[in-house]
Protein backbone atom coordinates (compact mmCIF):
# COMPACT_ATOMS: atom_id res chain seq x y z
CA MET A 1 91.20 85.45 78.37
CA SER A 2 91.40 85.47 74.66
CA TYR A 3 93.54 83.26 72.65
CA LYS A 4 95.50 85.97 71.49
CA THR A 5 96.17 87.29 74.93
CA ALA A 6 97.18 83.54 76.21
CA PHE A 7 99.63 83.09 73.17
CA ILE A 8 101.03 86.46 73.98
CA LEU A 9 101.54 85.56 77.68
CA ALA A 10 102.89 82.29 76.85
CA ALA A 11 105.45 83.87 74.37
CA ALA A 12 106.61 86.24 77.02
CA LEU A 13 107.03 83.61 79.67
CA SER A 14 109.17 81.40 77.19
CA CYS A 15 111.33 84.36 76.36
CA PHE A 16 112.03 85.49 79.92
CA GLY A 17 111.82 81.99 81.57
CA ALA A 18 108.76 81.16 83.63
CA SER A 19 111.04 79.80 86.51
CA ALA A 20 113.48 83.00 86.80
CA PHE A 21 111.22 84.39 89.67
CA ALA A 22 108.17 83.94 91.25
CA GLN A 23 106.22 85.65 94.09
CA CYS A 24 107.25 84.25 97.76
CA ASP A 25 104.87 81.94 99.49
CA GLU A 26 103.81 82.61 103.14
CA ALA A 27 106.73 80.80 104.71
CA GLN A 28 109.29 82.52 102.41
CA GLU A 29 107.72 85.90 103.35
CA THR A 30 108.12 85.26 107.04
CA SER A 31 111.59 84.12 106.64
CA VAL A 32 112.52 87.24 104.68
CA GLY A 33 110.50 89.30 107.35
CA LYS A 34 112.60 87.98 110.05
CA THR A 35 115.54 88.65 108.14
CA VAL A 36 114.81 92.10 107.25
CA ALA A 37 113.73 92.94 111.04
CA ALA A 38 117.24 91.66 112.26
CA ARG A 39 119.16 93.18 109.80
CA ALA A 40 117.22 96.74 109.90
CA SER A 41 117.10 96.73 113.44
CA ALA A 42 121.07 96.23 113.44
CA ALA A 43 121.39 99.00 111.06
CA VAL A 44 119.15 101.57 112.50
CA SER A 45 120.43 100.99 116.17
CA LYS A 46 123.51 102.66 115.22
CA ALA A 47 121.65 105.95 115.36
CA VAL A 48 118.43 105.05 117.40
CA ALA A 49 117.97 102.27 119.92
CA VAL A 50 115.27 100.01 118.98
CA GLU A 51 113.25 99.90 122.37
CA GLY A 52 109.95 98.52 121.59
CA LYS A 53 107.83 96.57 118.89
CA GLN A 54 108.88 96.15 115.46
CA MET A 55 107.02 95.65 112.26
CA VAL A 56 108.07 94.61 108.66
CA ASN A 57 105.71 95.23 105.83
CA LEU A 58 106.93 93.56 102.65
CA SER A 59 105.71 95.35 99.44
CA THR A 60 107.04 93.07 97.20
CA CYS A 61 108.68 89.51 97.72
CA GLU A 62 110.04 87.41 94.84
CA ALA A 63 111.96 84.05 94.89
CA VAL A 64 114.84 84.52 92.42
CA GLY A 65 117.45 81.83 91.68
CA GLY A 66 117.40 80.12 94.92
CA GLY A 67 117.40 83.51 96.84
CA TYR A 68 115.06 86.26 97.45
CA THR A 69 114.37 90.01 96.75
CA ALA A 70 111.88 92.23 98.59
CA ASP A 71 110.77 95.81 99.04
CA PHE A 72 110.03 96.56 102.57
CA LYS A 73 108.94 99.26 105.28
CA TYR A 74 110.53 98.46 108.67
CA ASN A 75 108.71 100.24 111.65
CA PHE A 76 110.08 100.35 115.15
CA LEU A 77 109.72 102.04 118.55
CA GLY A 78 112.50 103.98 120.23
CA ALA A 79 112.81 106.38 122.73
CA GLY A 80 111.76 109.45 120.41
CA GLY A 81 108.35 107.45 119.41
CA LEU A 82 107.69 105.64 116.22
CA TYR A 83 110.50 105.40 113.38
CA TRP A 84 110.33 103.92 110.12
CA ALA A 85 112.85 103.07 107.18
CA GLU A 86 112.06 101.83 103.71
CA GLY A 87 114.23 99.87 101.78
CA SER A 88 115.07 96.57 99.73
CA VAL A 89 116.99 93.41 100.44
CA LYS A 90 118.63 90.83 98.28
CA ILE A 91 119.06 87.42 99.93
CA SER A 92 121.28 85.09 97.96
CA LYS A 93 121.00 81.26 97.83
CA ALA A 94 124.19 81.07 100.22
CA GLY A 95 122.40 83.26 102.75
CA GLU A 96 124.42 86.65 101.98
CA VAL A 97 122.06 89.55 102.69
CA ASP A 98 122.51 92.91 100.95
CA LEU A 99 120.03 95.27 102.78
CA ARG A 100 119.70 99.04 101.54
CA LEU A 101 117.67 101.75 103.34
CA ARG A 102 116.39 104.10 100.83
CA ARG A 103 113.91 106.48 102.89
CA LEU A 104 113.85 107.37 106.52
CA SER A 105 111.10 108.86 108.71
CA PRO A 106 112.01 112.54 109.47
CA ASN A 107 112.78 111.83 113.14
CA LEU A 108 115.06 108.88 111.92
CA SER A 109 116.89 111.10 109.34
CA GLU A 110 117.37 113.53 112.27
CA ALA A 111 118.74 111.11 114.57
CA SER A 112 121.03 109.60 111.79
CA ALA A 113 122.50 113.14 110.88
CA LYS A 114 123.05 113.90 114.88
CA SER A 115 125.01 110.52 115.41
CA GLY A 116 126.97 111.05 112.16
CA VAL A 117 125.71 107.55 110.74
CA LYS A 118 124.48 107.70 107.16
CA LEU A 119 121.63 105.06 106.96
CA ALA A 120 120.09 105.64 103.85
CA ALA A 121 121.48 105.80 100.31
CA ASN A 122 119.89 108.84 98.31
């Protein structure tokens, strides 16, 4: 890294605050993933019963001001096969959870429409 690049990076960090956010460590990712699985399962079960394995893939996870933000893909098995939902979550320092589903698999979207439950924000 050149001195000029290092100086620009240092200046940017000082302007935006180096401690404002940081990538989650493995333990934090595990905790956020468990929270996402529980909340996403509760949300989608309004349209489709979660009957099998669940998997959460965090595409981003940042520790922010004592809380966390993450983007995720939640996969689960139900009677109709494999379903998925993509979304984001904010977990406050106090433990308040704001989970938002943004995209749904076609079969989950169809089940959501049939049940009259809106799961995803467009």
